[in-house]
PDB file of all heavy atoms in Angstrom:
ATOM      1  N   THR A   1      88.303 105.741 116.657  1.00  0.00           N
ATOM      2  CA  THR A   1      88.962 104.611 116.066  1.00  0.00           C
ATOM      3  C   THR A   1      88.398 104.338 114.630  1.00  0.00           C
ATOM      4  O   THR A   1      89.171 103.956 113.721  1.00  0.00           O
ATOM      5  CB  THR A   1      88.786 103.384 116.901  1.00  0.00           C
ATOM      6  OG1 THR A   1      89.269 103.656 118.183  1.00  0.00           O
ATOM      7  CG2 THR A   1      89.631 102.200 116.335  1.00  0.00           C
ATOM      8  N   LEU A   2      87.112 104.575 114.366  1.00  0.00           N
ATOM      9  CA  LEU A   2      86.526 104.248 113.138  1.00  0.00           C
ATOM     10  C   LEU A   2      87.102 105.101 111.982  1.00  0.00           C
ATOM     11  O   LEU A   2      87.176 104.701 110.807  1.00  0.00           O
ATOM     12  CB  LEU A   2      84.982 104.381 113.167  1.00  0.00           C
ATOM     13  CG  LEU A   2      84.224 103.290 113.883  1.00  0.00           C
ATOM     14  CD1 LEU A   2      82.738 103.672 114.003  1.00  0.00           C
ATOM     15  CD2 LEU A   2      84.361 102.014 113.066  1.00  0.00           C
ATOM     16  N   TRP A   3      87.535 106.288 112.285  1.00  0.00           N
ATOM     17  CA  TRP A   3      88.174 107.159 111.331  1.00  0.00           C
ATOM     18  C   TRP A   3      89.451 106.538 110.792  1.00  0.00           C
ATOM     19  O   TRP A   3      89.884 106.825 109.605  1.00  0.00           O
ATOM     20  CB  TRP A   3      88.492 108.534 111.872  1.00  0.00           C
ATOM     21  CG  TRP A   3      87.255 109.359 112.081  1.00  0.00           C
ATOM     22  CD1 TRP A   3      86.716 109.791 113.312  1.00  0.00           C
ATOM     23  CD2 TRP A   3      86.426 109.963 111.077  1.00  0.00           C
ATOM     24  NE1 TRP A   3      85.558 110.505 113.140  1.00  0.00           N
ATOM     25  CE2 TRP A   3      85.326 110.653 111.748  1.00  0.00           C
ATOM     26  CE3 TRP A   3      86.383 109.906 109.681  1.00  0.00           C
ATOM     27  CZ2 TRP A   3      84.333 111.287 111.051  1.00  0.00           C
ATOM     28  CZ3 TRP A   3      85.419 110.526 109.025  1.00  0.00           C
ATOM     29  CH2 TRP A   3      84.415 111.238 109.663  1.00  0.00           C
ATOM     30  N   GLY A   4      90.096 105.676 111.561  1.00  0.00           N
ATOM     31  CA  GLY A   4      91.342 105.100 111.122  1.00  0.00           C
ATOM     32  C   GLY A   4      91.170 103.602 110.790  1.00  0.00           C
ATOM     33  O   GLY A   4      92.199 102.860 110.783  1.00  0.00           O
ATOM     34  N   ALA A   5      89.919 103.156 110.437  1.00  0.00           N
ATOM     35  CA  ALA A   5      89.681 101.787 110.185  1.00  0.00           C
ATOM     36  C   ALA A   5      90.559 101.224 109.052  1.00  0.00           C
ATOM     37  O   ALA A   5      91.074 100.101 109.100  1.00  0.00           O
ATOM     38  CB  ALA A   5      88.201 101.520 109.891  1.00  0.00           C
ATOM     39  N   PHE A   6      90.752 102.056 108.023  1.00  0.00           N
ATOM     40  CA  PHE A   6      91.484 101.570 106.862  1.00  0.00           C
ATOM     41  C   PHE A   6      92.948 101.290 107.274  1.00  0.00           C
ATOM     42  O   PHE A   6      93.534 100.335 106.665  1.00  0.00           O
ATOM     43  CB  PHE A   6      91.494 102.596 105.753  1.00  0.00           C
ATOM     44  CG  PHE A   6      92.280 103.897 106.043  1.00  0.00           C
ATOM     45  CD1 PHE A   6      93.548 104.004 105.549  1.00  0.00           C
ATOM     46  CD2 PHE A   6      91.784 104.944 106.827  1.00  0.00           C
ATOM     47  CE1 PHE A   6      94.316 105.183 105.803  1.00  0.00           C
ATOM     48  CE2 PHE A   6      92.455 106.020 107.069  1.00  0.00           C
ATOM     49  CZ  PHE A   6      93.777 106.172 106.534  1.00  0.00           C
ATOM     50  N   THR A   7      93.492 101.932 108.209  1.00  0.00           N
ATOM     51  CA  THR A   7      94.907 101.651 108.565  1.00  0.00           C
ATOM     52  C   THR A   7      95.009 100.268 109.167  1.00  0.00           C
ATOM     53  O   THR A   7      96.063  99.574 108.945  1.00  0.00           O
ATOM     54  CB  THR A   7      95.404 102.740 109.547  1.00  0.00           C
ATOM     55  OG1 THR A   7      94.712 102.643 110.807  1.00  0.00           O
ATOM     56  CG2 THR A   7      95.299 104.081 108.970  1.00  0.00           C
ATOM     57  N   PHE A   8      94.028  99.848 109.935  1.00  0.00           N
ATOM     58  CA  PHE A   8      94.055  98.543 110.546  1.00  0.00           C
ATOM     59  C   PHE A   8      94.004  97.410 109.509  1.00  0.00           C
ATOM     60  O   PHE A   8      94.753  96.438 109.529  1.00  0.00           O
ATOM     61  CB  PHE A   8      92.900  98.372 111.535  1.00  0.00           C
ATOM     62  CG  PHE A   8      93.021  99.193 112.808  1.00  0.00           C
ATOM     63  CD1 PHE A   8      92.569 100.492 112.831  1.00  0.00           C
ATOM     64  CD2 PHE A   8      93.585  98.650 113.948  1.00  0.00           C
ATOM     65  CE1 PHE A   8      92.694 101.286 113.976  1.00  0.00           C
ATOM     66  CE2 PHE A   8      93.707  99.452 115.090  1.00  0.00           C
ATOM     67  CZ  PHE A   8      93.236 100.728 115.086  1.00  0.00           C
ATOM     68  N   ILE A   9      93.013  97.517 108.592  1.00  0.00           N
ATOM     69  CA  ILE A   9      92.839  96.537 107.521  1.00  0.00           C
ATOM     70  C   ILE A   9      94.087  96.401 106.674  1.00  0.00           C
ATOM     71  O   ILE A   9      94.557  95.275 106.355  1.00  0.00           O
ATOM     72  CB  ILE A   9      91.610  96.805 106.765  1.00  0.00           C
ATOM     73  CG1 ILE A   9      90.365  97.031 107.570  1.00  0.00           C
ATOM     74  CG2 ILE A   9      91.392  95.656 105.729  1.00  0.00           C
ATOM     75  CD1 ILE A   9      89.951  95.801 108.329  1.00  0.00           C
ATOM     76  N   LEU A  10      94.629  97.511 106.284  1.00  0.00           N
ATOM     77  CA  LEU A  10      95.819  97.546 105.391  1.00  0.00           C
ATOM     78  C   LEU A  10      96.971  96.909 106.070  1.00  0.00           C
ATOM     79  O   LEU A  10      97.815  96.266 105.485  1.00  0.00           O
ATOM     80  CB  LEU A  10      96.148  98.957 104.889  1.00  0.00           C
ATOM     81  CG  LEU A  10      95.081  99.551 103.903  1.00  0.00           C
ATOM     82  CD1 LEU A  10      95.490 101.025 103.586  1.00  0.00           C
ATOM     83  CD2 LEU A  10      95.139  98.750 102.619  1.00  0.00           C
ATOM     84  N   THR A  11      97.118  97.251 107.359  1.00  0.00           N
ATOM     85  CA  THR A  11      98.282  96.662 108.161  1.00  0.00           C
ATOM     86  C   THR A  11      98.206  95.114 108.230  1.00  0.00           C
ATOM     87  O   THR A  11      99.188  94.458 108.028  1.00  0.00           O
ATOM     88  CB  THR A  11      98.262  97.242 109.586  1.00  0.00           C
ATOM     89  OG1 THR A  11      98.436  98.666 109.531  1.00  0.00           O
ATOM     90  CG2 THR A  11      99.392  96.622 110.394  1.00  0.00           C
ATOM     91  N   PHE A  12      96.988  94.599 108.481  1.00  0.00           N
ATOM     92  CA  PHE A  12      96.826  93.164 108.536  1.00  0.00           C
ATOM     93  C   PHE A  12      97.134  92.527 107.170  1.00  0.00           C
ATOM     94  O   PHE A  12      97.778  91.478 107.130  1.00  0.00           O
ATOM     95  CB  PHE A  12      95.369  92.837 108.960  1.00  0.00           C
ATOM     96  CG  PHE A  12      95.157  92.840 110.464  1.00  0.00           C
ATOM     97  CD1 PHE A  12      94.311  93.768 111.035  1.00  0.00           C
ATOM     98  CD2 PHE A  12      95.793  91.883 111.267  1.00  0.00           C
ATOM     99  CE1 PHE A  12      94.174  93.764 112.453  1.00  0.00           C
ATOM    100  CE2 PHE A  12      95.602  91.874 112.649  1.00  0.00           C
ATOM    101  CZ  PHE A  12      94.761  92.827 113.195  1.00  0.00           C
ATOM    102  N   ALA A  13      96.611  93.110 106.087  1.00  0.00           N
ATOM    103  CA  ALA A  13      96.862  92.534 104.797  1.00  0.00           C
ATOM    104  C   ALA A  13      98.366  92.471 104.417  1.00  0.00           C
ATOM    105  O   ALA A  13      98.864  91.517 103.915  1.00  0.00           O
ATOM    106  CB  ALA A  13      96.091  93.314 103.738  1.00  0.00           C
ATOM    107  N   ALA A  14      99.044  93.600 104.695  1.00  0.00           N
ATOM    108  CA  ALA A  14     100.439  93.632 104.482  1.00  0.00           C
ATOM    109  C   ALA A  14     101.214  92.635 105.306  1.00  0.00           C
ATOM    110  O   ALA A  14     102.183  91.974 104.821  1.00  0.00           O
ATOM    111  CB  ALA A  14     100.984  95.063 104.763  1.00  0.00           C
ATOM    112  N   ALA A  15     100.832  92.546 106.628  1.00  0.00           N
ATOM    113  CA  ALA A  15     101.479  91.479 107.444  1.00  0.00           C
ATOM    114  C   ALA A  15     101.287  90.103 106.896  1.00  0.00           C
ATOM    115  O   ALA A  15     102.217  89.323 106.990  1.00  0.00           O
ATOM    116  CB  ALA A  15     100.958  91.684 108.853  1.00  0.00           C
ATOM    117  N   GLY A  16     100.067  89.816 106.431  1.00  0.00           N
ATOM    118  CA  GLY A  16      99.861  88.506 105.907  1.00  0.00           C
ATOM    119  C   GLY A  16     100.713  88.195 104.681  1.00  0.00           C
ATOM    120  O   GLY A  16     101.236  87.056 104.586  1.00  0.00           O
ATOM    121  N   ALA A  17     100.814  89.232 103.807  1.00  0.00           N
ATOM    122  CA  ALA A  17     101.712  88.953 102.615  1.00  0.00           C
ATOM    123  C   ALA A  17     103.168  88.765 102.956  1.00  0.00           C
ATOM    124  O   ALA A  17     103.829  87.932 102.448  1.00  0.00           O
ATOM    125  CB  ALA A  17     101.526  90.193 101.685  1.00  0.00           C
ATOM    126  N   LEU A  18     103.578  89.578 103.927  1.00  0.00           N
ATOM    127  CA  LEU A  18     105.043  89.406 104.330  1.00  0.00           C
ATOM    128  C   LEU A  18     105.237  88.110 105.066  1.00  0.00           C
ATOM    129  O   LEU A  18     106.326  87.492 104.865  1.00  0.00           O
ATOM    130  CB  LEU A  18     105.369  90.585 105.328  1.00  0.00           C
ATOM    131  CG  LEU A  18     105.570  91.932 104.644  1.00  0.00           C
ATOM    132  CD1 LEU A  18     105.682  93.069 105.598  1.00  0.00           C
ATOM    133  CD2 LEU A  18     106.786  91.925 103.701  1.00  0.00           C
ATOM    134  N   MET A  19     104.290  87.609 105.833  1.00  0.00           N
ATOM    135  CA  MET A  19     104.511  86.363 106.520  1.00  0.00           C
ATOM    136  C   MET A  19     104.586  85.219 105.448  1.00  0.00           C
ATOM    137  O   MET A  19     105.319  84.271 105.642  1.00  0.00           O
ATOM    138  CB  MET A  19     103.325  86.085 107.496  1.00  0.00           C
ATOM    139  CG  MET A  19     103.395  86.979 108.701  1.00  0.00           C
ATOM    140  SD  MET A  19     101.917  86.835 109.780  1.00  0.00           S
ATOM    141  CE  MET A  19     102.263  88.107 110.952  1.00  0.00           C
ATOM    142  N   ALA A  20     103.745  85.320 104.405  1.00  0.00           N
ATOM    143  CA  ALA A  20     103.709  84.325 103.382  1.00  0.00           C
ATOM    144  C   ALA A  20     105.121  84.290 102.669  1.00  0.00           C
ATOM    145  O   ALA A  20     105.611  83.275 102.191  1.00  0.00           O
ATOM    146  CB  ALA A  20     102.635  84.605 102.388  1.00  0.00           C
ATOM    147  N   LEU A  21     105.754  85.480 102.562  1.00  0.00           N
ATOM    148  CA  LEU A  21     107.093  85.592 101.997  1.00  0.00           C
ATOM    149  C   LEU A  21     108.179  85.171 102.942  1.00  0.00           C
ATOM    150  O   LEU A  21     109.411  85.185 102.593  1.00  0.00           O
ATOM    151  CB  LEU A  21     107.329  87.046 101.539  1.00  0.00           C
ATOM    152  CG  LEU A  21     106.519  87.445 100.307  1.00  0.00           C
ATOM    153  CD1 LEU A  21     106.449  88.967 100.191  1.00  0.00           C
ATOM    154  CD2 LEU A  21     107.123  86.881  99.068  1.00  0.00           C
ATOM    155  N   GLY A  22     107.822  84.826 104.154  1.00  0.00           N
ATOM    156  CA  GLY A  22     108.823  84.402 105.160  1.00  0.00           C
ATOM    157  C   GLY A  22     109.326  85.545 106.068  1.00  0.00           C
ATOM    158  O   GLY A  22     110.273  85.350 106.824  1.00  0.00           O
ATOM    159  N   ASP A  23     108.782  86.693 105.924  1.00  0.00           N
ATOM    160  CA  ASP A  23     109.216  87.889 106.735  1.00  0.00           C
ATOM    161  C   ASP A  23     108.206  88.121 107.848  1.00  0.00           C
ATOM    162  O   ASP A  23     107.130  88.752 107.622  1.00  0.00           O
ATOM    163  CB  ASP A  23     109.312  89.078 105.839  1.00  0.00           C
ATOM    164  CG  ASP A  23     109.745  90.321 106.585  1.00  0.00           C
ATOM    165  OD1 ASP A  23     110.013  90.229 107.787  1.00  0.00           O
ATOM    166  OD2 ASP A  23     109.767  91.437 106.015  1.00  0.00           O
ATOM    167  N   THR A  24     108.533  87.640 109.041  1.00  0.00           N
ATOM    168  CA  THR A  24     107.716  87.951 110.221  1.00  0.00           C
ATOM    169  C   THR A  24     108.341  89.080 111.036  1.00  0.00           C
ATOM    170  O   THR A  24     107.705  89.557 111.974  1.00  0.00           O
ATOM    171  CB  THR A  24     107.561  86.661 111.125  1.00  0.00           C
ATOM    172  OG1 THR A  24     108.902  86.249 111.564  1.00  0.00           O
ATOM    173  CG2 THR A  24     106.826  85.552 110.404  1.00  0.00           C
ATOM    174  N   ARG A  25     109.584  89.417 110.724  1.00  0.00           N
ATOM    175  CA  ARG A  25     110.298  90.424 111.487  1.00  0.00           C
ATOM    176  C   ARG A  25     109.781  91.829 111.335  1.00  0.00           C
ATOM    177  O   ARG A  25     109.721  92.603 112.260  1.00  0.00           O
ATOM    178  CB  ARG A  25     111.788  90.413 111.118  1.00  0.00           C
ATOM    179  CG  ARG A  25     112.464  89.134 111.512  1.00  0.00           C
ATOM    180  CD  ARG A  25     113.923  89.219 111.197  1.00  0.00           C
ATOM    181  NE  ARG A  25     114.624  87.928 111.579  1.00  0.00           N
ATOM    182  CZ  ARG A  25     115.959  87.671 111.452  1.00  0.00           C
ATOM    183  NH1 ARG A  25     116.686  88.589 110.863  1.00  0.00           N
ATOM    184  NH2 ARG A  25     116.452  86.524 111.764  1.00  0.00           N
TER     185      ARG A  25
END
């Protein structure tokens, strides 16, 4: 799992930005 740590962090950051824009879908 540690080899893919960057994918988790980037996914969370993108999700936060989209939620702020009103896109939870």
